[in-house]
PDB file of all heavy atoms in Angstrom:
ATOM      1  N   GLN A   1     156.049 -19.273 -66.441  1.00  0.00           N
ATOM      2  CA  GLN A   1     156.204 -18.989 -64.993  1.00  0.00           C
ATOM      3  C   GLN A   1     154.901 -18.685 -64.401  1.00  0.00           C
ATOM      4  O   GLN A   1     154.059 -17.956 -64.876  1.00  0.00           O
ATOM      5  CB  GLN A   1     157.185 -17.764 -64.847  1.00  0.00           C
ATOM      6  CG  GLN A   1     158.578 -18.046 -65.150  1.00  0.00           C
ATOM      7  CD  GLN A   1     159.532 -16.859 -64.757  1.00  0.00           C
ATOM      8  OE1 GLN A   1     159.086 -15.670 -64.685  1.00  0.00           O
ATOM      9  NE2 GLN A   1     160.710 -17.046 -64.414  1.00  0.00           N
ATOM     10  N   PHE A   2     154.747 -19.259 -63.121  1.00  0.00           N
ATOM     11  CA  PHE A   2     153.612 -19.095 -62.350  1.00  0.00           C
ATOM     12  C   PHE A   2     154.059 -18.416 -60.994  1.00  0.00           C
ATOM     13  O   PHE A   2     154.860 -18.791 -60.254  1.00  0.00           O
ATOM     14  CB  PHE A   2     152.893 -20.323 -61.987  1.00  0.00           C
ATOM     15  CG  PHE A   2     151.733 -20.333 -61.194  1.00  0.00           C
ATOM     16  CD1 PHE A   2     150.585 -19.863 -61.626  1.00  0.00           C
ATOM     17  CD2 PHE A   2     151.802 -20.573 -59.839  1.00  0.00           C
ATOM     18  CE1 PHE A   2     149.379 -19.603 -60.809  1.00  0.00           C
ATOM     19  CE2 PHE A   2     150.664 -20.515 -58.886  1.00  0.00           C
ATOM     20  CZ  PHE A   2     149.483 -20.041 -59.405  1.00  0.00           C
ATOM     21  N   VAL A   3     153.445 -17.194 -60.783  1.00  0.00           N
ATOM     22  CA  VAL A   3     153.720 -16.347 -59.594  1.00  0.00           C
ATOM     23  C   VAL A   3     152.794 -16.493 -58.543  1.00  0.00           C
ATOM     24  O   VAL A   3     151.581 -16.254 -58.790  1.00  0.00           O
ATOM     25  CB  VAL A   3     153.940 -14.909 -60.011  1.00  0.00           C
ATOM     26  CG1 VAL A   3     154.363 -14.068 -58.735  1.00  0.00           C
ATOM     27  CG2 VAL A   3     155.023 -14.781 -61.053  1.00  0.00           C
ATOM     28  N   ARG A   4     153.087 -16.901 -57.361  1.00  0.00           N
ATOM     29  CA  ARG A   4     152.131 -17.039 -56.250  1.00  0.00           C
ATOM     30  C   ARG A   4     152.587 -16.117 -55.149  1.00  0.00           C
ATOM     31  O   ARG A   4     153.772 -16.166 -54.665  1.00  0.00           O
ATOM     32  CB  ARG A   4     152.118 -18.476 -55.868  1.00  0.00           C
ATOM     33  CG  ARG A   4     151.246 -18.748 -54.609  1.00  0.00           C
ATOM     34  CD  ARG A   4     151.148 -20.210 -54.350  1.00  0.00           C
ATOM     35  NE  ARG A   4     150.327 -20.478 -53.161  1.00  0.00           N
ATOM     36  CZ  ARG A   4     150.740 -20.531 -51.922  1.00  0.00           C
ATOM     37  NH1 ARG A   4     152.032 -20.438 -51.698  1.00  0.00           N
ATOM     38  NH2 ARG A   4     149.836 -20.815 -50.923  1.00  0.00           N
ATOM     39  N   ALA A   5     151.652 -15.284 -54.703  1.00  0.00           N
ATOM     40  CA  ALA A   5     151.940 -14.315 -53.593  1.00  0.00           C
ATOM     41  C   ALA A   5     151.330 -14.818 -52.353  1.00  0.00           C
ATOM     42  O   ALA A   5     150.178 -15.318 -52.356  1.00  0.00           O
ATOM     43  CB  ALA A   5     151.413 -12.883 -53.937  1.00  0.00           C
ATOM     44  N   GLN A   6     151.975 -14.699 -51.257  1.00  0.00           N
ATOM     45  CA  GLN A   6     151.410 -15.090 -49.939  1.00  0.00           C
ATOM     46  C   GLN A   6     151.891 -14.183 -48.811  1.00  0.00           C
ATOM     47  O   GLN A   6     153.012 -13.361 -49.029  1.00  0.00           O
ATOM     48  CB  GLN A   6     151.722 -16.506 -49.648  1.00  0.00           C
ATOM     49  CG  GLN A   6     153.286 -16.743 -49.466  1.00  0.00           C
ATOM     50  CD  GLN A   6     153.497 -18.270 -49.179  1.00  0.00           C
ATOM     51  OE1 GLN A   6     152.663 -19.121 -49.493  1.00  0.00           O
ATOM     52  NE2 GLN A   6     154.727 -18.563 -48.770  1.00  0.00           N
ATOM     53  N   VAL A   7     151.237 -14.085 -47.738  1.00  0.00           N
ATOM     54  CA  VAL A   7     151.589 -13.286 -46.574  1.00  0.00           C
ATOM     55  C   VAL A   7     152.940 -13.716 -46.069  1.00  0.00           C
ATOM     56  O   VAL A   7     153.208 -14.888 -45.999  1.00  0.00           O
ATOM     57  CB  VAL A   7     150.496 -13.373 -45.541  1.00  0.00           C
ATOM     58  CG1 VAL A   7     150.811 -12.539 -44.287  1.00  0.00           C
ATOM     59  CG2 VAL A   7     149.055 -12.847 -46.029  1.00  0.00           C
ATOM     60  N   CYS A   8     153.779 -12.709 -45.739  1.00  0.00           N
ATOM     61  CA  CYS A   8     154.992 -13.012 -45.162  1.00  0.00           C
ATOM     62  C   CYS A   8     154.848 -13.527 -43.857  1.00  0.00           C
ATOM     63  O   CYS A   8     154.187 -13.084 -42.948  1.00  0.00           O
ATOM     64  CB  CYS A   8     155.835 -11.660 -45.083  1.00  0.00           C
ATOM     65  SG  CYS A   8     157.457 -11.846 -44.290  1.00  0.00           S
ATOM     66  N   SER A   9     155.504 -14.733 -43.564  1.00  0.00           N
ATOM     67  CA  SER A   9     155.313 -15.495 -42.385  1.00  0.00           C
ATOM     68  C   SER A   9     156.098 -14.831 -41.223  1.00  0.00           C
ATOM     69  O   SER A   9     155.742 -14.988 -40.143  1.00  0.00           O
ATOM     70  CB  SER A   9     155.805 -16.921 -42.535  1.00  0.00           C
ATOM     71  OG  SER A   9     157.202 -16.861 -42.989  1.00  0.00           O
ATOM     72  N   ARG A  10     157.133 -14.106 -41.487  1.00  0.00           N
ATOM     73  CA  ARG A  10     157.871 -13.486 -40.475  1.00  0.00           C
ATOM     74  C   ARG A  10     157.226 -12.291 -39.857  1.00  0.00           C
ATOM     75  O   ARG A  10     157.044 -12.164 -38.624  1.00  0.00           O
ATOM     76  CB  ARG A  10     159.137 -12.981 -41.059  1.00  0.00           C
ATOM     77  CG  ARG A  10     160.155 -12.556 -39.843  1.00  0.00           C
ATOM     78  CD  ARG A  10     161.495 -12.097 -40.433  1.00  0.00           C
ATOM     79  NE  ARG A  10     162.415 -11.659 -39.287  1.00  0.00           N
ATOM     80  CZ  ARG A  10     163.456 -11.053 -39.575  1.00  0.00           C
ATOM     81  NH1 ARG A  10     163.920 -10.737 -40.809  1.00  0.00           N
ATOM     82  NH2 ARG A  10     164.215 -10.606 -38.589  1.00  0.00           N
ATOM     83  N   CYS A  11     156.609 -11.399 -40.581  1.00  0.00           N
ATOM     84  CA  CYS A  11     156.103 -10.081 -40.119  1.00  0.00           C
ATOM     85  C   CYS A  11     154.522 -10.273 -40.178  1.00  0.00           C
ATOM     86  O   CYS A  11     153.814  -9.269 -39.672  1.00  0.00           O
ATOM     87  CB  CYS A  11     156.444  -8.934 -40.967  1.00  0.00           C
ATOM     88  SG  CYS A  11     155.903  -9.027 -42.751  1.00  0.00           S
ATOM     89  N   GLY A  12     153.993 -11.402 -40.579  1.00  0.00           N
ATOM     90  CA  GLY A  12     152.507 -11.506 -40.525  1.00  0.00           C
ATOM     91  C   GLY A  12     151.760 -10.598 -41.453  1.00  0.00           C
ATOM     92  O   GLY A  12     150.551 -10.374 -41.296  1.00  0.00           O
ATOM     93  N   GLY A  13     152.461 -10.042 -42.505  1.00  0.00           N
ATOM     94  CA  GLY A  13     151.801  -9.254 -43.449  1.00  0.00           C
ATOM     95  C   GLY A  13     151.914  -7.700 -43.161  1.00  0.00           C
ATOM     96  O   GLY A  13     151.507  -6.731 -43.949  1.00  0.00           O
ATOM     97  N   GLY A  14     152.526  -7.352 -41.934  1.00  0.00           N
ATOM     98  CA  GLY A  14     152.662  -5.976 -41.595  1.00  0.00           C
ATOM     99  C   GLY A  14     153.727  -5.200 -42.266  1.00  0.00           C
ATOM    100  O   GLY A  14     153.787  -4.086 -42.285  1.00  0.00           O
ATOM    101  N   GLY A  15     154.795  -6.014 -42.679  1.00  0.00           N
ATOM    102  CA  GLY A  15     155.967  -5.375 -43.221  1.00  0.00           C
ATOM    103  C   GLY A  15     156.927  -4.819 -42.236  1.00  0.00           C
ATOM    104  O   GLY A  15     157.931  -4.320 -42.671  1.00  0.00           O
ATOM    105  N   LYS A  16     156.608  -4.936 -40.907  1.00  0.00           N
ATOM    106  CA  LYS A  16     157.562  -4.296 -39.999  1.00  0.00           C
ATOM    107  C   LYS A  16     157.807  -5.382 -38.954  1.00  0.00           C
ATOM    108  O   LYS A  16     156.979  -6.334 -38.603  1.00  0.00           O
ATOM    109  CB  LYS A  16     156.937  -3.259 -39.274  1.00  0.00           C
ATOM    110  CG  LYS A  16     156.580  -1.922 -40.295  1.00  0.00           C
ATOM    111  CD  LYS A  16     157.881  -1.281 -40.642  1.00  0.00           C
ATOM    112  CE  LYS A  16     157.625  -0.042 -41.509  1.00  0.00           C
ATOM    113  NZ  LYS A  16     158.902   0.694 -41.897  1.00  0.00           N
ATOM    114  N   ILE A  17     159.050  -5.273 -38.281  1.00  0.00           N
ATOM    115  CA  ILE A  17     159.405  -6.240 -37.211  1.00  0.00           C
ATOM    116  C   ILE A  17     159.553  -5.389 -35.936  1.00  0.00           C
ATOM    117  O   ILE A  17     160.307  -4.345 -35.996  1.00  0.00           O
ATOM    118  CB  ILE A  17     160.677  -7.065 -37.496  1.00  0.00           C
ATOM    119  CG1 ILE A  17     160.459  -7.861 -38.715  1.00  0.00           C
ATOM    120  CG2 ILE A  17     160.988  -7.777 -36.166  1.00  0.00           C
ATOM    121  CD1 ILE A  17     159.381  -8.952 -38.558  1.00  0.00           C
ATOM    122  N   VAL A  18     158.849  -5.774 -34.815  1.00  0.00           N
ATOM    123  CA  VAL A  18     158.972  -4.869 -33.598  1.00  0.00           C
ATOM    124  C   VAL A  18     159.912  -5.644 -32.720  1.00  0.00           C
ATOM    125  O   VAL A  18     159.867  -6.724 -32.261  1.00  0.00           O
ATOM    126  CB  VAL A  18     157.574  -4.823 -32.938  1.00  0.00           C
ATOM    127  CG1 VAL A  18     157.779  -4.051 -31.536  1.00  0.00           C
ATOM    128  CG2 VAL A  18     156.645  -4.136 -33.743  1.00  0.00           C
ATOM    129  N   THR A  19     161.093  -4.986 -32.567  1.00  0.00           N
ATOM    130  CA  THR A  19     162.223  -5.501 -31.642  1.00  0.00           C
ATOM    131  C   THR A  19     162.087  -5.159 -30.234  1.00  0.00           C
ATOM    132  O   THR A  19     162.543  -5.794 -29.335  1.00  0.00           O
ATOM    133  CB  THR A  19     163.606  -5.136 -32.241  1.00  0.00           C
ATOM    134  OG1 THR A  19     163.691  -3.606 -32.318  1.00  0.00           O
ATOM    135  CG2 THR A  19     163.876  -5.619 -33.660  1.00  0.00           C
ATOM    136  N   ASP A  20     161.372  -3.964 -29.995  1.00  0.00           N
ATOM    137  CA  ASP A  20     161.302  -3.545 -28.618  1.00  0.00           C
ATOM    138  C   ASP A  20     159.674  -3.348 -28.394  1.00  0.00           C
ATOM    139  O   ASP A  20     159.196  -2.188 -28.569  1.00  0.00           O
ATOM    140  CB  ASP A  20     161.961  -2.112 -28.351  1.00  0.00           C
ATOM    141  CG  ASP A  20     161.981  -1.784 -26.875  1.00  0.00           C
ATOM    142  OD1 ASP A  20     161.520  -2.563 -26.039  1.00  0.00           O
ATOM    143  OD2 ASP A  20     162.311  -0.667 -26.625  1.00  0.00           O
ATOM    144  N   PRO A  21     158.927  -4.527 -28.099  1.00  0.00           N
ATOM    145  CA  PRO A  21     157.433  -4.355 -28.024  1.00  0.00           C
ATOM    146  C   PRO A  21     156.983  -3.329 -26.954  1.00  0.00           C
ATOM    147  O   PRO A  21     157.604  -3.343 -25.939  1.00  0.00           O
ATOM    148  CB  PRO A  21     157.013  -5.732 -27.802  1.00  0.00           C
ATOM    149  CG  PRO A  21     158.104  -6.386 -27.185  1.00  0.00           C
ATOM    150  CD  PRO A  21     159.415  -5.659 -27.704  1.00  0.00           C
ATOM    151  N   CYS A  22     155.884  -2.667 -27.282  1.00  0.00           N
ATOM    152  CA  CYS A  22     155.223  -1.877 -26.329  1.00  0.00           C
ATOM    153  C   CYS A  22     154.701  -2.623 -25.076  1.00  0.00           C
ATOM    154  O   CYS A  22     154.063  -3.754 -25.221  1.00  0.00           O
ATOM    155  CB  CYS A  22     154.057  -1.169 -26.991  1.00  0.00           C
ATOM    156  SG  CYS A  22     152.854  -0.261 -25.952  1.00  0.00           S
ATOM    157  N   ALA A  23     154.983  -2.172 -23.902  1.00  0.00           N
ATOM    158  CA  ALA A  23     154.607  -2.897 -22.641  1.00  0.00           C
ATOM    159  C   ALA A  23     153.129  -2.893 -22.557  1.00  0.00           C
ATOM    160  O   ALA A  23     152.590  -3.836 -21.906  1.00  0.00           O
ATOM    161  CB  ALA A  23     155.270  -2.233 -21.537  1.00  0.00           C
ATOM    162  N   ALA A  24     152.492  -1.855 -22.949  1.00  0.00           N
ATOM    163  CA  ALA A  24     150.972  -1.846 -22.793  1.00  0.00           C
ATOM    164  C   ALA A  24     150.229  -2.767 -23.714  1.00  0.00           C
ATOM    165  O   ALA A  24     149.260  -3.326 -23.250  1.00  0.00           O
ATOM    166  CB  ALA A  24     150.523  -0.333 -23.116  1.00  0.00           C
ATOM    167  N   CYS A  25     150.688  -3.102 -24.826  1.00  0.00           N
ATOM    168  CA  CYS A  25     149.887  -3.868 -25.752  1.00  0.00           C
ATOM    169  C   CYS A  25     150.649  -5.216 -26.109  1.00  0.00           C
ATOM    170  O   CYS A  25     150.171  -6.113 -26.969  1.00  0.00           O
ATOM    171  CB  CYS A  25     149.512  -3.306 -27.005  1.00  0.00           C
ATOM    172  SG  CYS A  25     150.852  -2.660 -28.054  1.00  0.00           S
ATOM    173  N   GLY A  26     151.935  -5.320 -25.683  1.00  0.00           N
ATOM    174  CA  GLY A  26     152.687  -6.526 -26.047  1.00  0.00           C
ATOM    175  C   GLY A  26     153.165  -6.558 -27.427  1.00  0.00           C
ATOM    176  O   GLY A  26     153.367  -7.632 -27.985  1.00  0.00           O
ATOM    177  N   GLY A  27     153.133  -5.367 -28.187  1.00  0.00           N
ATOM    178  CA  GLY A  27     153.641  -5.472 -29.510  1.00  0.00           C
ATOM    179  C   GLY A  27     152.565  -5.595 -30.544  1.00  0.00           C
ATOM    180  O   GLY A  27     152.876  -5.415 -31.744  1.00  0.00           O
ATOM    181  N   ASP A  28     151.309  -5.796 -30.082  1.00  0.00           N
ATOM    182  CA  ASP A  28     150.255  -5.993 -31.042  1.00  0.00           C
ATOM    183  C   ASP A  28     149.740  -4.764 -31.668  1.00  0.00           C
ATOM    184  O   ASP A  28     149.236  -4.656 -32.800  1.00  0.00           O
ATOM    185  CB  ASP A  28     149.134  -6.817 -30.371  1.00  0.00           C
ATOM    186  CG  ASP A  28     147.972  -7.094 -31.346  1.00  0.00           C
ATOM    187  OD1 ASP A  28     148.162  -7.970 -32.346  1.00  0.00           O
ATOM    188  OD2 ASP A  28     146.883  -6.481 -31.179  1.00  0.00           O
ATOM    189  N   GLY A  29     149.917  -3.620 -30.954  1.00  0.00           N
ATOM    190  CA  GLY A  29     149.434  -2.396 -31.478  1.00  0.00           C
ATOM    191  C   GLY A  29     147.968  -2.125 -31.161  1.00  0.00           C
ATOM    192  O   GLY A  29     147.507  -0.951 -31.365  1.00  0.00           O
ATOM    193  N   ARG A  30     147.371  -3.093 -30.438  1.00  0.00           N
ATOM    194  CA  ARG A  30     145.943  -2.959 -30.088  1.00  0.00           C
ATOM    195  C   ARG A  30     145.761  -3.500 -28.650  1.00  0.00           C
ATOM    196  O   ARG A  30     146.504  -4.341 -28.144  1.00  0.00           O
ATOM    197  CB  ARG A  30     145.084  -3.715 -31.054  1.00  0.00           C
ATOM    198  CG  ARG A  30     145.149  -3.254 -32.485  1.00  0.00           C
ATOM    199  CD  ARG A  30     144.232  -4.086 -33.354  1.00  0.00           C
ATOM    200  NE  ARG A  30     144.593  -5.464 -33.271  1.00  0.00           N
ATOM    201  CZ  ARG A  30     143.862  -6.526 -33.829  1.00  0.00           C
ATOM    202  NH1 ARG A  30     142.746  -6.103 -34.551  1.00  0.00           N
ATOM    203  NH2 ARG A  30     144.220  -7.801 -33.720  1.00  0.00           N
ATOM    204  N   VAL A  31     144.825  -2.979 -27.913  1.00  0.00           N
ATOM    205  CA  VAL A  31     144.422  -3.525 -26.636  1.00  0.00           C
ATOM    206  C   VAL A  31     142.950  -3.651 -26.602  1.00  0.00           C
ATOM    207  O   VAL A  31     142.146  -3.115 -27.478  1.00  0.00           O
ATOM    208  CB  VAL A  31     144.655  -2.502 -25.478  1.00  0.00           C
ATOM    209  CG1 VAL A  31     146.271  -2.386 -25.362  1.00  0.00           C
ATOM    210  CG2 VAL A  31     144.154  -1.106 -25.739  1.00  0.00           C
ATOM    211  N   VAL A  32     142.448  -4.442 -25.711  1.00  0.00           N
ATOM    212  CA  VAL A  32     141.024  -4.825 -25.547  1.00  0.00           C
ATOM    213  C   VAL A  32     140.300  -3.758 -24.702  1.00  0.00           C
ATOM    214  O   VAL A  32     140.798  -3.291 -23.554  1.00  0.00           O
ATOM    215  CB  VAL A  32     140.772  -6.133 -24.932  1.00  0.00           C
ATOM    216  CG1 VAL A  32     139.253  -6.344 -24.699  1.00  0.00           C
ATOM    217  CG2 VAL A  32     141.429  -7.195 -25.696  1.00  0.00           C
TER     218      VAL A  32
END
C-alpha cells in the first residue's frame, strides 16, 4: 500500500468551513 497525503481541496487545509463569512475580511480571516 502507498499512502499519499494532500491538502483538503474543500477547506484549503484549514480544517474548517465558514458558512457565515465575516463582512470585514470576507471570510479570509485577514485584511490588508
